[in-house]
PDB file of all heavy atoms in Angstrom:
ATOM      1  N   HIS A   1     -42.430-250.894 -67.805  1.00  0.00           N
ATOM      2  CA  HIS A   1     -42.468-250.245 -66.493  1.00  0.00           C
ATOM      3  C   HIS A   1     -41.099-249.855 -65.988  1.00  0.00           C
ATOM      4  O   HIS A   1     -40.848-248.735 -65.452  1.00  0.00           O
ATOM      5  CB  HIS A   1     -43.182-251.116 -65.461  1.00  0.00           C
ATOM      6  CG  HIS A   1     -43.151-250.588 -64.061  1.00  0.00           C
ATOM      7  ND1 HIS A   1     -42.328-251.120 -63.126  1.00  0.00           N
ATOM      8  CD2 HIS A   1     -43.873-249.599 -63.477  1.00  0.00           C
ATOM      9  CE1 HIS A   1     -42.508-250.461 -62.010  1.00  0.00           C
ATOM     10  NE2 HIS A   1     -43.419-249.513 -62.145  1.00  0.00           N
ATOM     11  N   THR A   2     -40.082-250.801 -66.154  1.00  0.00           N
ATOM     12  CA  THR A   2     -38.746-250.541 -65.616  1.00  0.00           C
ATOM     13  C   THR A   2     -38.118-249.395 -66.364  1.00  0.00           C
ATOM     14  O   THR A   2     -37.238-248.710 -65.799  1.00  0.00           O
ATOM     15  CB  THR A   2     -37.929-251.832 -65.760  1.00  0.00           C
ATOM     16  OG1 THR A   2     -38.664-252.924 -65.194  1.00  0.00           O
ATOM     17  CG2 THR A   2     -36.594-251.679 -65.044  1.00  0.00           C
ATOM     18  N   THR A   3     -38.541-249.130 -67.606  1.00  0.00           N
ATOM     19  CA  THR A   3     -37.966-247.998 -68.358  1.00  0.00           C
ATOM     20  C   THR A   3     -38.630-246.697 -67.945  1.00  0.00           C
ATOM     21  O   THR A   3     -38.129-245.628 -68.382  1.00  0.00           O
ATOM     22  CB  THR A   3     -38.250-248.220 -69.901  1.00  0.00           C
ATOM     23  OG1 THR A   3     -38.144-249.623 -70.263  1.00  0.00           O
ATOM     24  CG2 THR A   3     -37.275-247.424 -70.751  1.00  0.00           C
ATOM     25  N   GLN A   4     -39.689-246.762 -67.149  1.00  0.00           N
ATOM     26  CA  GLN A   4     -40.480-245.656 -66.664  1.00  0.00           C
ATOM     27  C   GLN A   4     -41.488-245.220 -67.721  1.00  0.00           C
ATOM     28  O   GLN A   4     -41.088-244.654 -68.830  1.00  0.00           O
ATOM     29  CB  GLN A   4     -39.661-244.474 -66.203  1.00  0.00           C
ATOM     30  CG  GLN A   4     -38.700-244.889 -65.064  1.00  0.00           C
ATOM     31  CD  GLN A   4     -37.791-243.748 -64.627  1.00  0.00           C
ATOM     32  OE1 GLN A   4     -38.280-242.665 -64.275  1.00  0.00           O
ATOM     33  NE2 GLN A   4     -36.499-243.998 -64.588  1.00  0.00           N
ATOM     34  N   PHE A   5     -42.748-245.411 -67.467  1.00  0.00           N
ATOM     35  CA  PHE A   5     -43.808-245.040 -68.426  1.00  0.00           C
ATOM     36  C   PHE A   5     -43.760-243.518 -68.779  1.00  0.00           C
ATOM     37  O   PHE A   5     -44.236-243.132 -69.833  1.00  0.00           O
ATOM     38  CB  PHE A   5     -45.200-245.396 -67.861  1.00  0.00           C
ATOM     39  CG  PHE A   5     -45.419-246.883 -67.824  1.00  0.00           C
ATOM     40  CD1 PHE A   5     -46.052-247.460 -66.705  1.00  0.00           C
ATOM     41  CD2 PHE A   5     -45.030-247.716 -68.846  1.00  0.00           C
ATOM     42  CE1 PHE A   5     -46.310-248.802 -66.645  1.00  0.00           C
ATOM     43  CE2 PHE A   5     -45.273-249.116 -68.813  1.00  0.00           C
ATOM     44  CZ  PHE A   5     -45.891-249.628 -67.727  1.00  0.00           C
ATOM     45  N   ALA A   6     -43.236-242.739 -67.877  1.00  0.00           N
ATOM     46  CA  ALA A   6     -43.204-241.260 -68.089  1.00  0.00           C
ATOM     47  C   ALA A   6     -42.284-240.863 -69.231  1.00  0.00           C
ATOM     48  O   ALA A   6     -42.258-239.675 -69.617  1.00  0.00           O
ATOM     49  CB  ALA A   6     -42.821-240.554 -66.832  1.00  0.00           C
ATOM     50  N   ILE A   7     -41.542-241.805 -69.818  1.00  0.00           N
ATOM     51  CA  ILE A   7     -40.722-241.406 -71.007  1.00  0.00           C
ATOM     52  C   ILE A   7     -41.617-240.829 -72.103  1.00  0.00           C
ATOM     53  O   ILE A   7     -41.183-240.061 -72.960  1.00  0.00           O
ATOM     54  CB  ILE A   7     -39.853-242.599 -71.546  1.00  0.00           C
ATOM     55  CG1 ILE A   7     -40.713-243.777 -71.911  1.00  0.00           C
ATOM     56  CG2 ILE A   7     -38.765-242.949 -70.554  1.00  0.00           C
ATOM     57  CD1 ILE A   7     -39.970-244.891 -72.627  1.00  0.00           C
ATOM     58  N   ARG A   8     -42.881-241.210 -72.099  1.00  0.00           N
ATOM     59  CA  ARG A   8     -43.772-240.757 -73.151  1.00  0.00           C
ATOM     60  C   ARG A   8     -44.136-239.263 -72.901  1.00  0.00           C
ATOM     61  O   ARG A   8     -44.245-238.523 -73.846  1.00  0.00           O
ATOM     62  CB  ARG A   8     -45.062-241.634 -73.110  1.00  0.00           C
ATOM     63  CG  ARG A   8     -44.825-243.062 -73.524  1.00  0.00           C
ATOM     64  CD  ARG A   8     -45.757-244.044 -72.921  1.00  0.00           C
ATOM     65  NE  ARG A   8     -45.628-245.389 -73.453  1.00  0.00           N
ATOM     66  CZ  ARG A   8     -44.766-246.304 -72.934  1.00  0.00           C
ATOM     67  NH1 ARG A   8     -43.985-246.036 -71.882  1.00  0.00           N
ATOM     68  NH2 ARG A   8     -44.674-247.466 -73.541  1.00  0.00           N
ATOM     69  N   GLN A   9     -44.277-238.884 -71.670  1.00  0.00           N
ATOM     70  CA  GLN A   9     -44.616-237.493 -71.400  1.00  0.00           C
ATOM     71  C   GLN A   9     -43.458-236.525 -71.615  1.00  0.00           C
ATOM     72  O   GLN A   9     -43.658-235.362 -71.883  1.00  0.00           O
ATOM     73  CB  GLN A   9     -45.077-237.342 -69.921  1.00  0.00           C
ATOM     74  CG  GLN A   9     -46.484-237.819 -69.639  1.00  0.00           C
ATOM     75  CD  GLN A   9     -46.634-239.315 -69.720  1.00  0.00           C
ATOM     76  OE1 GLN A   9     -45.968-240.059 -68.948  1.00  0.00           O
ATOM     77  NE2 GLN A   9     -47.506-239.811 -70.593  1.00  0.00           N
ATOM     78  N   VAL A  10     -42.214-237.069 -71.569  1.00  0.00           N
ATOM     79  CA  VAL A  10     -41.082-236.172 -71.792  1.00  0.00           C
ATOM     80  C   VAL A  10     -40.448-236.386 -73.148  1.00  0.00           C
ATOM     81  O   VAL A  10     -39.370-235.919 -73.430  1.00  0.00           O
ATOM     82  CB  VAL A  10     -39.969-236.405 -70.689  1.00  0.00           C
ATOM     83  CG1 VAL A  10     -40.517-236.042 -69.321  1.00  0.00           C
ATOM     84  CG2 VAL A  10     -39.479-237.816 -70.663  1.00  0.00           C
ATOM     85  N   GLY A  11     -41.121-237.095 -74.052  1.00  0.00           N
ATOM     86  CA  GLY A  11     -40.711-237.194 -75.451  1.00  0.00           C
ATOM     87  C   GLY A  11     -39.505-238.100 -75.676  1.00  0.00           C
ATOM     88  O   GLY A  11     -38.822-237.917 -76.651  1.00  0.00           O
ATOM     89  N   LEU A  12     -39.321-239.105 -74.837  1.00  0.00           N
ATOM     90  CA  LEU A  12     -38.157-239.988 -74.992  1.00  0.00           C
ATOM     91  C   LEU A  12     -38.495-241.420 -75.497  1.00  0.00           C
ATOM     92  O   LEU A  12     -37.598-242.193 -75.702  1.00  0.00           O
ATOM     93  CB  LEU A  12     -37.461-240.148 -73.621  1.00  0.00           C
ATOM     94  CG  LEU A  12     -36.651-238.961 -73.135  1.00  0.00           C
ATOM     95  CD1 LEU A  12     -36.108-239.253 -71.723  1.00  0.00           C
ATOM     96  CD2 LEU A  12     -35.537-238.604 -74.090  1.00  0.00           C
ATOM     97  N   PHE A  13     -39.761-241.661 -75.724  1.00  0.00           N
ATOM     98  CA  PHE A  13     -40.174-243.047 -76.090  1.00  0.00           C
ATOM     99  C   PHE A  13     -39.398-243.517 -77.333  1.00  0.00           C
ATOM    100  O   PHE A  13     -38.735-244.563 -77.292  1.00  0.00           O
ATOM    101  CB  PHE A  13     -41.699-243.110 -76.310  1.00  0.00           C
ATOM    102  CG  PHE A  13     -42.174-244.462 -76.704  1.00  0.00           C
ATOM    103  CD1 PHE A  13     -42.337-245.443 -75.787  1.00  0.00           C
ATOM    104  CD2 PHE A  13     -42.576-244.699 -78.031  1.00  0.00           C
ATOM    105  CE1 PHE A  13     -42.817-246.720 -76.164  1.00  0.00           C
ATOM    106  CE2 PHE A  13     -43.045-245.946 -78.457  1.00  0.00           C
ATOM    107  CZ  PHE A  13     -43.166-246.942 -77.496  1.00  0.00           C
ATOM    108  N   GLU A  14     -39.506-242.794 -78.414  1.00  0.00           N
ATOM    109  CA  GLU A  14     -38.856-243.266 -79.613  1.00  0.00           C
ATOM    110  C   GLU A  14     -37.370-243.236 -79.509  1.00  0.00           C
ATOM    111  O   GLU A  14     -36.684-244.117 -80.048  1.00  0.00           O
ATOM    112  CB  GLU A  14     -39.295-242.341 -80.795  1.00  0.00           C
ATOM    113  CG  GLU A  14     -38.813-242.854 -82.165  1.00  0.00           C
ATOM    114  CD  GLU A  14     -39.522-242.099 -83.322  1.00  0.00           C
ATOM    115  OE1 GLU A  14     -40.449-241.325 -83.089  1.00  0.00           O
ATOM    116  OE2 GLU A  14     -39.125-242.372 -84.470  1.00  0.00           O
ATOM    117  N   THR A  15     -36.778-242.272 -78.833  1.00  0.00           N
ATOM    118  CA  THR A  15     -35.343-242.148 -78.669  1.00  0.00           C
ATOM    119  C   THR A  15     -34.818-243.354 -77.957  1.00  0.00           C
ATOM    120  O   THR A  15     -33.800-243.966 -78.358  1.00  0.00           O
ATOM    121  CB  THR A  15     -34.981-240.877 -77.942  1.00  0.00           C
ATOM    122  OG1 THR A  15     -35.446-239.753 -78.679  1.00  0.00           O
ATOM    123  CG2 THR A  15     -33.464-240.759 -77.757  1.00  0.00           C
ATOM    124  N   VAL A  16     -35.462-243.735 -76.832  1.00  0.00           N
ATOM    125  CA  VAL A  16     -34.982-244.829 -76.002  1.00  0.00           C
ATOM    126  C   VAL A  16     -35.092-246.156 -76.776  1.00  0.00           C
ATOM    127  O   VAL A  16     -34.195-247.009 -76.739  1.00  0.00           O
ATOM    128  CB  VAL A  16     -35.714-244.872 -74.690  1.00  0.00           C
ATOM    129  CG1 VAL A  16     -35.434-246.147 -73.926  1.00  0.00           C
ATOM    130  CG2 VAL A  16     -35.355-243.658 -73.848  1.00  0.00           C
ATOM    131  N   LEU A  17     -36.207-246.331 -77.496  1.00  0.00           N
ATOM    132  CA  LEU A  17     -36.360-247.524 -78.297  1.00  0.00           C
ATOM    133  C   LEU A  17     -35.267-247.615 -79.390  1.00  0.00           C
ATOM    134  O   LEU A  17     -34.745-248.659 -79.681  1.00  0.00           O
ATOM    135  CB  LEU A  17     -37.750-247.570 -78.941  1.00  0.00           C
ATOM    136  CG  LEU A  17     -38.832-248.425 -78.256  1.00  0.00           C
ATOM    137  CD1 LEU A  17     -39.118-247.883 -76.842  1.00  0.00           C
ATOM    138  CD2 LEU A  17     -40.053-248.472 -79.031  1.00  0.00           C
ATOM    139  N   SER A  18     -34.997-246.440 -79.979  1.00  0.00           N
ATOM    140  CA  SER A  18     -33.948-246.428 -81.030  1.00  0.00           C
ATOM    141  C   SER A  18     -32.591-246.833 -80.540  1.00  0.00           C
ATOM    142  O   SER A  18     -31.825-247.570 -81.193  1.00  0.00           O
ATOM    143  CB  SER A  18     -33.863-245.024 -81.642  1.00  0.00           C
ATOM    144  OG  SER A  18     -35.091-244.661 -82.254  1.00  0.00           O
ATOM    145  N   LEU A  19     -32.210-246.361 -79.326  1.00  0.00           N
ATOM    146  CA  LEU A  19     -30.900-246.684 -78.762  1.00  0.00           C
ATOM    147  C   LEU A  19     -30.758-248.173 -78.578  1.00  0.00           C
ATOM    148  O   LEU A  19     -29.694-248.765 -78.847  1.00  0.00           O
ATOM    149  CB  LEU A  19     -30.643-245.944 -77.498  1.00  0.00           C
ATOM    150  CG  LEU A  19     -30.419-244.410 -77.592  1.00  0.00           C
ATOM    151  CD1 LEU A  19     -30.522-243.757 -76.235  1.00  0.00           C
ATOM    152  CD2 LEU A  19     -29.082-244.122 -78.287  1.00  0.00           C
ATOM    153  N   ALA A  20     -31.790-248.862 -78.035  1.00  0.00           N
ATOM    154  CA  ALA A  20     -31.661-250.263 -77.883  1.00  0.00           C
ATOM    155  C   ALA A  20     -31.602-251.017 -79.192  1.00  0.00           C
ATOM    156  O   ALA A  20     -30.862-251.992 -79.340  1.00  0.00           O
ATOM    157  CB  ALA A  20     -32.906-250.753 -77.029  1.00  0.00           C
ATOM    158  N   ALA A  21     -32.395-250.527 -80.163  1.00  0.00           N
ATOM    159  CA  ALA A  21     -32.354-251.175 -81.452  1.00  0.00           C
ATOM    160  C   ALA A  21     -30.993-251.038 -82.117  1.00  0.00           C
ATOM    161  O   ALA A  21     -30.492-251.979 -82.779  1.00  0.00           O
ATOM    162  CB  ALA A  21     -33.435-250.548 -82.348  1.00  0.00           C
ATOM    163  N   GLU A  22     -30.370-249.907 -81.931  1.00  0.00           N
ATOM    164  CA  GLU A  22     -29.007-249.707 -82.508  1.00  0.00           C
ATOM    165  C   GLU A  22     -28.012-250.654 -81.824  1.00  0.00           C
ATOM    166  O   GLU A  22     -27.154-251.229 -82.499  1.00  0.00           O
ATOM    167  CB  GLU A  22     -28.564-248.217 -82.318  1.00  0.00           C
ATOM    168  CG  GLU A  22     -29.334-247.251 -83.150  1.00  0.00           C
ATOM    169  CD  GLU A  22     -29.128-245.803 -82.770  1.00  0.00           C
ATOM    170  OE1 GLU A  22     -28.215-245.591 -81.889  1.00  0.00           O
ATOM    171  OE2 GLU A  22     -29.818-244.914 -83.233  1.00  0.00           O
ATOM    172  N   ALA A  23     -28.094-250.792 -80.529  1.00  0.00           N
ATOM    173  CA  ALA A  23     -27.186-251.720 -79.824  1.00  0.00           C
ATOM    174  C   ALA A  23     -27.375-253.095 -80.309  1.00  0.00           C
ATOM    175  O   ALA A  23     -26.478-253.915 -80.359  1.00  0.00           O
ATOM    176  CB  ALA A  23     -27.378-251.578 -78.301  1.00  0.00           C
ATOM    177  N   ALA A  24     -28.619-253.498 -80.606  1.00  0.00           N
ATOM    178  CA  ALA A  24     -28.908-254.831 -81.064  1.00  0.00           C
ATOM    179  C   ALA A  24     -28.227-255.156 -82.357  1.00  0.00           C
ATOM    180  O   ALA A  24     -27.858-256.304 -82.654  1.00  0.00           O
ATOM    181  CB  ALA A  24     -30.432-255.003 -81.243  1.00  0.00           C
ATOM    182  N   THR A  25     -28.018-254.114 -83.237  1.00  0.00           N
ATOM    183  CA  THR A  25     -27.370-254.335 -84.498  1.00  0.00           C
ATOM    184  C   THR A  25     -25.852-254.709 -84.321  1.00  0.00           C
ATOM    185  O   THR A  25     -25.222-255.183 -85.263  1.00  0.00           O
ATOM    186  CB  THR A  25     -27.468-253.148 -85.414  1.00  0.00           C
ATOM    187  OG1 THR A  25     -26.812-252.012 -84.846  1.00  0.00           O
ATOM    188  CG2 THR A  25     -28.950-252.770 -85.643  1.00  0.00           C
ATOM    189  N   GLU A  26     -25.307-254.480 -83.153  1.00  0.00           N
ATOM    190  CA  GLU A  26     -23.911-254.762 -82.896  1.00  0.00           C
ATOM    191  C   GLU A  26     -23.656-256.271 -82.690  1.00  0.00           C
ATOM    192  O   GLU A  26     -22.561-256.710 -82.704  1.00  0.00           O
ATOM    193  CB  GLU A  26     -23.390-253.988 -81.659  1.00  0.00           C
ATOM    194  CG  GLU A  26     -23.482-252.487 -81.830  1.00  0.00           C
ATOM    195  CD  GLU A  26     -23.120-251.713 -80.562  1.00  0.00           C
ATOM    196  OE1 GLU A  26     -22.797-252.367 -79.538  1.00  0.00           O
ATOM    197  OE2 GLU A  26     -23.157-250.457 -80.605  1.00  0.00           O
ATOM    198  N   ARG A  27     -24.738-257.001 -82.471  1.00  0.00           N
ATOM    199  CA  ARG A  27     -24.648-258.433 -82.206  1.00  0.00           C
ATOM    200  C   ARG A  27     -24.782-259.249 -83.473  1.00  0.00           C
ATOM    201  O   ARG A  27     -25.526-258.833 -84.396  1.00  0.00           O
ATOM    202  CB  ARG A  27     -25.730-258.879 -81.234  1.00  0.00           C
ATOM    203  CG  ARG A  27     -25.853-258.079 -79.980  1.00  0.00           C
ATOM    204  CD  ARG A  27     -24.553-258.077 -79.150  1.00  0.00           C
ATOM    205  NE  ARG A  27     -24.222-259.433 -78.700  1.00  0.00           N
ATOM    206  CZ  ARG A  27     -23.146-259.689 -77.925  1.00  0.00           C
ATOM    207  NH1 ARG A  27     -22.360-258.731 -77.541  1.00  0.00           N
ATOM    208  NH2 ARG A  27     -22.916-260.894 -77.507  1.00  0.00           N
ATOM    209  N   ASP A  28     -24.029-260.322 -83.565  1.00  0.00           N
ATOM    210  CA  ASP A  28     -24.132-261.205 -84.736  1.00  0.00           C
ATOM    211  C   ASP A  28     -25.525-261.862 -84.864  1.00  0.00           C
ATOM    212  O   ASP A  28     -26.067-262.000 -85.968  1.00  0.00           O
ATOM    213  CB  ASP A  28     -23.063-262.297 -84.683  1.00  0.00           C
ATOM    214  CG  ASP A  28     -21.649-261.719 -84.867  1.00  0.00           C
ATOM    215  OD1 ASP A  28     -21.543-260.655 -85.507  1.00  0.00           O
ATOM    216  OD2 ASP A  28     -20.711-262.362 -84.369  1.00  0.00           O
ATOM    217  N   GLU A  29     -26.071-262.256 -83.696  1.00  0.00           N
ATOM    218  CA  GLU A  29     -27.419-262.876 -83.694  1.00  0.00           C
ATOM    219  C   GLU A  29     -28.415-261.832 -83.184  1.00  0.00           C
ATOM    220  O   GLU A  29     -28.236-261.311 -82.045  1.00  0.00           O
ATOM    221  CB  GLU A  29     -27.401-264.130 -82.813  1.00  0.00           C
ATOM    222  CG  GLU A  29     -26.560-265.246 -83.376  1.00  0.00           C
ATOM    223  CD  GLU A  29     -26.747-266.489 -82.592  1.00  0.00           C
ATOM    224  OE1 GLU A  29     -27.581-266.530 -81.650  1.00  0.00           O
ATOM    225  OE2 GLU A  29     -26.049-267.460 -82.836  1.00  0.00           O
TER     226      GLU A  29
END
């Protein structure tokens, strides 16, 4: 909800998930 459910209607769902997953790889744990 905080990410805004409407990301799906504007085609951002996969992009936004990808950005967070990429940032996660910067951490050792």
